[in-house]
Amino acid sequence: MLTGKQRANLRKLANNLETIIQIGKGNIEQPLIKQVDDALTARELIKIRVLTETSALTPREAADILAEATDSEVIQVIGSRIVLFRRNPQKGKYDEYIN
């Protein structure tokens, strides 16, 4: 569980991230969960976009489902963007920002 200060630090870092995954039509299914899981393993901090015009889920609902399925933390949901974080003990790229 991250503190408010740790979340704020990660939010700052996420501002410069590119969106790497988009959620459109259809529900969140296993292939999408695997893609998010792989991205979290490789990058630790990722940005996702929910195409609100076509998606049946709100960005908040999608964030909660993905966070639970990938054992990650929702850092921010703003508009149609989601930022997720999961620490990778082997990389620890963001350790200085969460310790």
C-alpha atoms as a PDB file:
ATOM      1  CA  MET A   1       0.000   0.000   0.000  1.00  0.00           C
ATOM      2  CA  LEU A   2       1.406   3.357  -1.028  1.00  0.00           C
ATOM      3  CA  THR A   3       1.188   6.558   0.990  1.00  0.00           C
ATOM      4  CA  GLY A   4      -0.210   9.791  -0.407  1.00  0.00           C
ATOM      5  CA  LYS A   5       3.285  11.209  -0.843  1.00  0.00           C
ATOM      6  CA  GLN A   6       4.458   8.123  -2.746  1.00  0.00           C
ATOM      7  CA  ARG A   7       1.389   8.333  -5.015  1.00  0.00           C
ATOM      8  CA  ALA A   8       2.073  12.027  -5.634  1.00  0.00           C
ATOM      9  CA  ASN A   9       5.662  11.241  -6.647  1.00  0.00           C
ATOM     10  CA  LEU A  10       4.504   8.532  -9.047  1.00  0.00           C
ATOM     11  CA  ARG A  11       1.800  10.835 -10.469  1.00  0.00           C
ATOM     12  CA  LYS A  12       4.496  13.387 -11.297  1.00  0.00           C
ATOM     13  CA  LEU A  13       6.553  10.754 -13.090  1.00  0.00           C
ATOM     14  CA  ALA A  14       3.511   9.484 -14.993  1.00  0.00           C
ATOM     15  CA  ASN A  15       2.902  12.892 -16.581  1.00  0.00           C
ATOM     16  CA  ASN A  16       5.704  12.225 -19.063  1.00  0.00           C
ATOM     17  CA  LEU A  17       4.648   8.659 -19.884  1.00  0.00           C
ATOM     18  CA  GLU A  18       3.079   7.716 -23.185  1.00  0.00           C
ATOM     19  CA  THR A  19      -0.168   5.765 -23.172  1.00  0.00           C
ATOM     20  CA  ILE A  20       0.782   2.192 -24.031  1.00  0.00           C
ATOM     21  CA  ILE A  21      -2.562   0.365 -23.790  1.00  0.00           C
ATOM     22  CA  GLN A  22      -6.046   1.316 -24.953  1.00  0.00           C
ATOM     23  CA  ILE A  23      -9.297  -0.236 -23.800  1.00  0.00           C
ATOM     24  CA  GLY A  24     -12.099  -0.033 -26.353  1.00  0.00           C
ATOM     25  CA  LYS A  25     -15.120  -2.165 -27.130  1.00  0.00           C
ATOM     26  CA  GLY A  26     -15.559  -5.371 -25.238  1.00  0.00           C
ATOM     27  CA  ASN A  27     -14.912  -6.125 -21.644  1.00  0.00           C
ATOM     28  CA  ILE A  28     -11.631  -6.650 -19.880  1.00  0.00           C
ATOM     29  CA  GLU A  29     -10.700 -10.232 -20.682  1.00  0.00           C
ATOM     30  CA  GLN A  30      -7.675 -12.437 -20.126  1.00  0.00           C
ATOM     31  CA  PRO A  31      -5.584 -11.260 -23.137  1.00  0.00           C
ATOM     32  CA  LEU A  32      -5.870  -7.627 -22.016  1.00  0.00           C
ATOM     33  CA  ILE A  33      -5.059  -8.555 -18.416  1.00  0.00           C
ATOM     34  CA  LYS A  34      -1.975 -10.449 -19.629  1.00  0.00           C
ATOM     35  CA  GLN A  35      -0.889  -7.451 -21.716  1.00  0.00           C
ATOM     36  CA  VAL A  36      -1.237  -5.110 -18.713  1.00  0.00           C
ATOM     37  CA  ASP A  37       0.549  -7.620 -16.464  1.00  0.00           C
ATOM     38  CA  ASP A  38       3.464  -7.906 -18.911  1.00  0.00           C
ATOM     39  CA  ALA A  39       3.687  -4.119 -19.235  1.00  0.00           C
ATOM     40  CA  LEU A  40       3.744  -3.704 -15.443  1.00  0.00           C
ATOM     41  CA  THR A  41       6.497  -6.305 -15.149  1.00  0.00           C
ATOM     42  CA  ALA A  42       8.591  -4.536 -17.772  1.00  0.00           C
ATOM     43  CA  ARG A  43       7.886  -0.903 -16.865  1.00  0.00           C
ATOM     44  CA  GLU A  44       6.385  -0.842 -13.333  1.00  0.00           C
ATOM     45  CA  LEU A  45       4.466   2.402 -14.037  1.00  0.00           C
ATOM     46  CA  ILE A  46       2.079   2.459 -17.007  1.00  0.00           C
ATOM     47  CA  LYS A  47      -0.577   4.696 -18.505  1.00  0.00           C
ATOM     48  CA  ILE A  48      -3.757   3.275 -20.033  1.00  0.00           C
ATOM     49  CA  ARG A  49      -6.493   5.027 -22.000  1.00  0.00           C
ATOM     50  CA  VAL A  50     -10.141   4.000 -21.903  1.00  0.00           C
ATOM     51  CA  LEU A  51     -12.001   4.885 -25.091  1.00  0.00           C
ATOM     52  CA  THR A  52     -15.072   6.223 -23.315  1.00  0.00           C
ATOM     53  CA  GLU A  53     -17.092   6.508 -26.539  1.00  0.00           C
ATOM     54  CA  THR A  54     -16.988   2.759 -27.162  1.00  0.00           C
ATOM     55  CA  SER A  55     -16.130   1.125 -23.835  1.00  0.00           C
ATOM     56  CA  ALA A  56     -18.864  -0.318 -21.641  1.00  0.00           C
ATOM     57  CA  LEU A  57     -16.755   0.493 -18.564  1.00  0.00           C
ATOM     58  CA  THR A  58     -15.916   3.808 -16.968  1.00  0.00           C
ATOM     59  CA  PRO A  59     -12.212   4.530 -16.476  1.00  0.00           C
ATOM     60  CA  ARG A  60     -12.617   4.041 -12.687  1.00  0.00           C
ATOM     61  CA  GLU A  61     -14.269   0.637 -13.145  1.00  0.00           C
ATOM     62  CA  ALA A  62     -11.571  -0.448 -15.595  1.00  0.00           C
ATOM     63  CA  ALA A  63      -8.830   0.742 -13.226  1.00  0.00           C
ATOM     64  CA  ASP A  64     -10.266  -1.198 -10.295  1.00  0.00           C
ATOM     65  CA  ILE A  65     -10.687  -4.389 -12.338  1.00  0.00           C
ATOM     66  CA  LEU A  66      -7.166  -4.206 -13.793  1.00  0.00           C
ATOM     67  CA  ALA A  67      -5.548  -3.345 -10.460  1.00  0.00           C
ATOM     68  CA  GLU A  68      -7.179  -6.326  -8.784  1.00  0.00           C
ATOM     69  CA  ALA A  69      -6.399  -8.705 -11.659  1.00  0.00           C
ATOM     70  CA  THR A  70      -2.728  -7.668 -11.901  1.00  0.00           C
ATOM     71  CA  ASP A  71      -2.052  -7.079  -8.183  1.00  0.00           C
ATOM     72  CA  SER A  72      -1.133  -3.459  -8.909  1.00  0.00           C
ATOM     73  CA  GLU A  73      -2.132  -0.102  -7.454  1.00  0.00           C
ATOM     74  CA  VAL A  74      -4.207   2.605  -9.065  1.00  0.00           C
ATOM     75  CA  ILE A  75      -2.111   5.759  -8.902  1.00  0.00           C
ATOM     76  CA  GLN A  76      -4.503   8.031 -10.751  1.00  0.00           C
ATOM     77  CA  VAL A  77      -7.667   8.073 -12.818  1.00  0.00           C
ATOM     78  CA  ILE A  78      -8.139  11.367 -14.605  1.00  0.00           C
ATOM     79  CA  GLY A  79     -10.515  11.751 -17.515  1.00  0.00           C
ATOM     80  CA  SER A  80     -10.078   8.698 -19.702  1.00  0.00           C
ATOM     81  CA  ARG A  81      -6.529   7.945 -18.466  1.00  0.00           C
ATOM     82  CA  ILE A  82      -5.474   5.402 -15.865  1.00  0.00           C
ATOM     83  CA  VAL A  83      -2.059   5.141 -14.235  1.00  0.00           C
ATOM     84  CA  LEU A  84      -1.136   1.807 -12.627  1.00  0.00           C
ATOM     85  CA  PHE A  85       1.959   0.861 -10.628  1.00  0.00           C
ATOM     86  CA  ARG A  86       3.406  -2.449  -9.515  1.00  0.00           C
ATOM     87  CA  ARG A  87       6.898  -2.652  -8.078  1.00  0.00           C
ATOM     88  CA  ASN A  88       9.245  -5.105  -9.761  1.00  0.00           C
ATOM     89  CA  PRO A  89      11.721  -6.307  -7.107  1.00  0.00           C
ATOM     90  CA  GLN A  90      14.328  -7.182  -9.750  1.00  0.00           C
ATOM     91  CA  LYS A  91      14.267  -3.777 -11.442  1.00  0.00           C
ATOM     92  CA  GLY A  92      13.243  -1.365  -8.712  1.00  0.00           C
ATOM     93  CA  LYS A  93      13.288   1.504 -11.216  1.00  0.00           C
ATOM     94  CA  TYR A  94      11.066   3.681  -9.015  1.00  0.00           C
ATOM     95  CA  ASP A  95      12.356   2.612  -5.593  1.00  0.00           C
ATOM     96  CA  GLU A  96      13.825   6.034  -4.824  1.00  0.00           C
ATOM     97  CA  TYR A  97      10.360   7.579  -5.303  1.00  0.00           C
ATOM     98  CA  ILE A  98       8.472   5.136  -3.087  1.00  0.00           C
ATOM     99  CA  ASN A  99      10.901   4.695  -0.198  1.00  0.00           C
END
